Amino acid sequence: MPDVTVTTKRAIELKAGFDLIEALTPPPAPRGRYALAKWSEKVNAAVELYQKQLKQQLEDHSHKDERGKAIRKDIGGGRVKYALIDEDAFTAASDALQEEEVTLTGVRPVTQAELGDCPVPVLALRLLLGTVIEDKEPAAA
């Protein structure tokens, strides 16, 4: 199977698309389900790596307490805000992380026919079309 190279930013967009189609009824046809599962696995791994790297960037660009730990404040809803030393430097570093290329191995484009009767939402289609889902008109029946 071919490899597909995308930016980390594109991988994040693809993950959002997969999150939208994860539990659709009826599901894609078996071949489509298998191909989408491979895509989802590879994209999730790339996004997890990005999230770890982003957390490290936050730690590196934050003020430290007396124990050397990054200072952060709980802002509710399971979210925290870091006390950044230089927000512009952090923004530049995080933008660079998003522009890094990621190679997804063992994936291939999914055809419209392989989706079968699966009602793919328009937003998911916009996110996945051209990378995951082939950008072709389905063949006439």
C-alpha atoms as a PDB file:
ATOM      1  CA  MET A   1       0.000   0.000   0.000  1.00  0.00           C
ATOM      2  CA  PRO A   2       1.201   3.486  -0.706  1.00  0.00           C
ATOM      3  CA  ASP A   3       2.382   5.951   1.887  1.00  0.00           C
ATOM      4  CA  VAL A   4       0.653   9.293   2.255  1.00  0.00           C
ATOM      5  CA  THR A   5       2.484  12.350   3.570  1.00  0.00           C
ATOM      6  CA  VAL A   6       0.482  15.152   5.181  1.00  0.00           C
ATOM      7  CA  THR A   7       1.251  18.017   7.532  1.00  0.00           C
ATOM      8  CA  THR A   8       0.455  17.563  11.188  1.00  0.00           C
ATOM      9  CA  LYS A   9      -2.195  20.261  10.794  1.00  0.00           C
ATOM     10  CA  ARG A  10      -3.870  18.167   8.069  1.00  0.00           C
ATOM     11  CA  ALA A  11      -3.681  15.069  10.290  1.00  0.00           C
ATOM     12  CA  ILE A  12      -5.555  17.003  13.006  1.00  0.00           C
ATOM     13  CA  GLU A  13      -8.238  17.931  10.450  1.00  0.00           C
ATOM     14  CA  LEU A  14      -8.481  14.297   9.334  1.00  0.00           C
ATOM     15  CA  LYS A  15      -8.932  13.165  12.945  1.00  0.00           C
ATOM     16  CA  ALA A  16     -11.859  15.581  13.274  1.00  0.00           C
ATOM     17  CA  GLY A  17     -13.374  14.016  10.144  1.00  0.00           C
ATOM     18  CA  PHE A  18     -12.947  10.495  11.514  1.00  0.00           C
ATOM     19  CA  ASP A  19     -14.539  11.551  14.798  1.00  0.00           C
ATOM     20  CA  LEU A  20     -17.633  12.607  12.820  1.00  0.00           C
ATOM     21  CA  ILE A  21     -18.043   9.285  10.976  1.00  0.00           C
ATOM     22  CA  GLU A  22     -17.005   6.880  13.719  1.00  0.00           C
ATOM     23  CA  ALA A  23     -20.464   5.548  14.601  1.00  0.00           C
ATOM     24  CA  LEU A  24     -22.561   6.161  11.495  1.00  0.00           C
ATOM     25  CA  THR A  25     -25.479   3.901  10.645  1.00  0.00           C
ATOM     26  CA  PRO A  26     -25.427   2.171   8.280  1.00  0.00           C
ATOM     27  CA  PRO A  27     -21.634   1.830   8.402  1.00  0.00           C
ATOM     28  CA  PRO A  28     -19.458   1.832   5.283  1.00  0.00           C
ATOM     29  CA  ALA A  29     -19.208  -1.380   3.281  1.00  0.00           C
ATOM     30  CA  PRO A  30     -16.631  -3.877   4.684  1.00  0.00           C
ATOM     31  CA  ARG A  31     -13.752  -2.840   2.378  1.00  0.00           C
ATOM     32  CA  GLY A  32     -14.395   0.811   3.166  1.00  0.00           C
ATOM     33  CA  ARG A  33     -14.636   0.104   6.902  1.00  0.00           C
ATOM     34  CA  TYR A  34     -11.282  -1.680   6.846  1.00  0.00           C
ATOM     35  CA  ALA A  35      -9.562   1.105   4.882  1.00  0.00           C
ATOM     36  CA  LEU A  36     -11.055   3.817   7.128  1.00  0.00           C
ATOM     37  CA  ALA A  37      -9.951   1.899  10.236  1.00  0.00           C
ATOM     38  CA  LYS A  38      -6.350   1.815   8.930  1.00  0.00           C
ATOM     39  CA  TRP A  39      -6.489   5.545   8.211  1.00  0.00           C
ATOM     40  CA  SER A  40      -7.950   6.300  11.623  1.00  0.00           C
ATOM     41  CA  GLU A  41      -5.270   4.251  13.388  1.00  0.00           C
ATOM     42  CA  LYS A  42      -2.422   6.045  11.567  1.00  0.00           C
ATOM     43  CA  VAL A  43      -3.958   9.513  11.938  1.00  0.00           C
ATOM     44  CA  ASN A  44      -4.647   8.998  15.660  1.00  0.00           C
ATOM     45  CA  ALA A  45      -1.018   7.975  16.221  1.00  0.00           C
ATOM     46  CA  ALA A  46       0.218  11.114  14.414  1.00  0.00           C
ATOM     47  CA  VAL A  47      -2.105  13.368  16.429  1.00  0.00           C
ATOM     48  CA  GLU A  48      -1.085  11.725  19.720  1.00  0.00           C
ATOM     49  CA  LEU A  49       2.577  12.365  18.891  1.00  0.00           C
ATOM     50  CA  TYR A  50       1.749  16.000  18.075  1.00  0.00           C
ATOM     51  CA  GLN A  51      -0.114  16.401  21.386  1.00  0.00           C
ATOM     52  CA  LYS A  52       2.891  15.071  23.311  1.00  0.00           C
ATOM     53  CA  GLN A  53       5.221  17.419  21.443  1.00  0.00           C
ATOM     54  CA  LEU A  54       2.872  20.356  22.010  1.00  0.00           C
ATOM     55  CA  LYS A  55       2.742  19.625  25.739  1.00  0.00           C
ATOM     56  CA  GLN A  56       6.550  19.577  25.780  1.00  0.00           C
ATOM     57  CA  GLN A  57       6.591  22.932  23.974  1.00  0.00           C
ATOM     58  CA  LEU A  58       4.216  24.329  26.596  1.00  0.00           C
ATOM     59  CA  GLU A  59       6.480  23.051  29.361  1.00  0.00           C
ATOM     60  CA  ASP A  60       9.591  24.472  27.669  1.00  0.00           C
ATOM     61  CA  HIS A  61       8.045  27.926  27.122  1.00  0.00           C
ATOM     62  CA  SER A  62       6.523  28.298  30.614  1.00  0.00           C
ATOM     63  CA  HIS A  63       7.688  29.956  33.793  1.00  0.00           C
ATOM     64  CA  LYS A  64       8.865  27.379  36.340  1.00  0.00           C
ATOM     65  CA  ASP A  65       8.079  27.078  40.049  1.00  0.00           C
ATOM     66  CA  GLU A  66      10.699  26.434  42.746  1.00  0.00           C
ATOM     67  CA  ARG A  67      10.643  22.685  41.928  1.00  0.00           C
ATOM     68  CA  GLY A  68      11.355  23.353  38.256  1.00  0.00           C
ATOM     69  CA  LYS A  69       7.821  22.420  37.124  1.00  0.00           C
ATOM     70  CA  ALA A  70       5.901  24.550  34.645  1.00  0.00           C
ATOM     71  CA  ILE A  71       3.459  26.922  36.298  1.00  0.00           C
ATOM     72  CA  ARG A  72      -0.080  26.239  35.175  1.00  0.00           C
ATOM     73  CA  LYS A  73      -3.522  27.159  36.382  1.00  0.00           C
ATOM     74  CA  ASP A  74      -6.690  25.071  36.260  1.00  0.00           C
ATOM     75  CA  ILE A  75      -9.317  27.020  34.319  1.00  0.00           C
ATOM     76  CA  GLY A  76     -12.110  24.455  34.649  1.00  0.00           C
ATOM     77  CA  GLY A  77     -13.491  21.755  32.435  1.00  0.00           C
ATOM     78  CA  GLY A  78     -10.284  19.746  32.685  1.00  0.00           C
ATOM     79  CA  ARG A  79      -8.346  22.539  30.972  1.00  0.00           C
ATOM     80  CA  VAL A  80      -5.205  24.278  32.195  1.00  0.00           C
ATOM     81  CA  LYS A  81      -3.472  27.515  31.238  1.00  0.00           C
ATOM     82  CA  TYR A  82       0.304  27.669  31.274  1.00  0.00           C
ATOM     83  CA  ALA A  83       2.178  30.794  32.438  1.00  0.00           C
ATOM     84  CA  LEU A  84       4.083  31.352  29.188  1.00  0.00           C
ATOM     85  CA  ILE A  85       7.334  33.298  29.183  1.00  0.00           C
ATOM     86  CA  ASP A  86       6.964  34.496  25.575  1.00  0.00           C
ATOM     87  CA  GLU A  87       3.654  33.775  23.831  1.00  0.00           C
ATOM     88  CA  ASP A  88       5.049  34.740  20.423  1.00  0.00           C
ATOM     89  CA  ALA A  89       7.910  32.249  20.732  1.00  0.00           C
ATOM     90  CA  PHE A  90       5.473  29.529  21.812  1.00  0.00           C
ATOM     91  CA  THR A  91       3.121  30.344  18.924  1.00  0.00           C
ATOM     92  CA  ALA A  92       6.010  30.136  16.448  1.00  0.00           C
ATOM     93  CA  ALA A  93       7.112  26.785  17.906  1.00  0.00           C
ATOM     94  CA  SER A  94       3.586  25.337  17.841  1.00  0.00           C
ATOM     95  CA  ASP A  95       3.040  26.584  14.266  1.00  0.00           C
ATOM     96  CA  ALA A  96       6.287  24.869  13.252  1.00  0.00           C
ATOM     97  CA  LEU A  97       5.043  21.644  14.866  1.00  0.00           C
ATOM     98  CA  GLN A  98       1.815  21.835  12.854  1.00  0.00           C
ATOM     99  CA  GLU A  99       3.738  22.307   9.610  1.00  0.00           C
ATOM    100  CA  GLU A 100       5.908  19.207  10.157  1.00  0.00           C
ATOM    101  CA  GLU A 101       5.182  16.444   7.688  1.00  0.00           C
ATOM    102  CA  VAL A 102       3.947  13.064   8.838  1.00  0.00           C
ATOM    103  CA  THR A 103       4.064   9.935   6.692  1.00  0.00           C
ATOM    104  CA  LEU A 104       1.106   7.608   7.109  1.00  0.00           C
ATOM    105  CA  THR A 105       2.104   4.133   5.956  1.00  0.00           C
ATOM    106  CA  GLY A 106      -0.170   1.398   4.680  1.00  0.00           C
ATOM    107  CA  VAL A 107      -3.150   3.573   3.755  1.00  0.00           C
ATOM    108  CA  ARG A 108      -4.932   4.095   0.464  1.00  0.00           C
ATOM    109  CA  PRO A 109      -7.731   6.334  -0.802  1.00  0.00           C
ATOM    110  CA  VAL A 110     -11.244   5.076  -0.138  1.00  0.00           C
ATOM    111  CA  THR A 111     -13.680   5.172  -3.043  1.00  0.00           C
ATOM    112  CA  GLN A 112     -17.232   6.467  -2.836  1.00  0.00           C
ATOM    113  CA  ALA A 113     -18.429   2.925  -3.703  1.00  0.00           C
ATOM    114  CA  GLU A 114     -16.582   1.513  -0.675  1.00  0.00           C
ATOM    115  CA  LEU A 115     -18.561   3.853   1.552  1.00  0.00           C
ATOM    116  CA  GLY A 116     -21.746   2.151   0.374  1.00  0.00           C
ATOM    117  CA  ASP A 117     -24.916   3.612   1.871  1.00  0.00           C
ATOM    118  CA  CYS A 118     -23.022   5.234   4.733  1.00  0.00           C
ATOM    119  CA  PRO A 119     -24.479   8.745   5.213  1.00  0.00           C
ATOM    120  CA  VAL A 120     -21.219  10.711   5.515  1.00  0.00           C
ATOM    121  CA  PRO A 121     -21.963  14.174   6.962  1.00  0.00           C
ATOM    122  CA  VAL A 122     -21.033  17.106   4.726  1.00  0.00           C
ATOM    123  CA  LEU A 123     -18.452  18.440   7.201  1.00  0.00           C
ATOM    124  CA  ALA A 124     -16.744  15.020   7.416  1.00  0.00           C
ATOM    125  CA  LEU A 125     -16.760  14.775   3.635  1.00  0.00           C
ATOM    126  CA  ARG A 126     -15.126  18.205   3.373  1.00  0.00           C
ATOM    127  CA  LEU A 127     -12.429  17.188   5.857  1.00  0.00           C
ATOM    128  CA  LEU A 128     -11.689  13.792   4.296  1.00  0.00           C
ATOM    129  CA  LEU A 129     -12.232  14.437   0.576  1.00  0.00           C
ATOM    130  CA  GLY A 130      -9.077  14.466  -1.512  1.00  0.00           C
ATOM    131  CA  THR A 131      -6.893  12.763   1.084  1.00  0.00           C
ATOM    132  CA  VAL A 132      -8.846   9.835   2.522  1.00  0.00           C
ATOM    133  CA  ILE A 133     -11.864   9.708   0.220  1.00  0.00           C
ATOM    134  CA  GLU A 134     -11.138   9.848  -3.510  1.00  0.00           C
ATOM    135  CA  ASP A 135     -12.233  13.101  -5.052  1.00  0.00           C
ATOM    136  CA  LYS A 136     -14.112  11.454  -7.935  1.00  0.00           C
ATOM    137  CA  GLU A 137     -17.741  11.177  -8.868  1.00  0.00           C
ATOM    138  CA  PRO A 138     -19.109   7.728  -8.022  1.00  0.00           C
ATOM    139  CA  ALA A 139     -19.604   5.515 -11.088  1.00  0.00           C
ATOM    140  CA  ALA A 140     -23.159   5.501 -12.416  1.00  0.00           C
ATOM    141  CA  ALA A 141     -25.090   2.362 -11.557  1.00  0.00           C
END
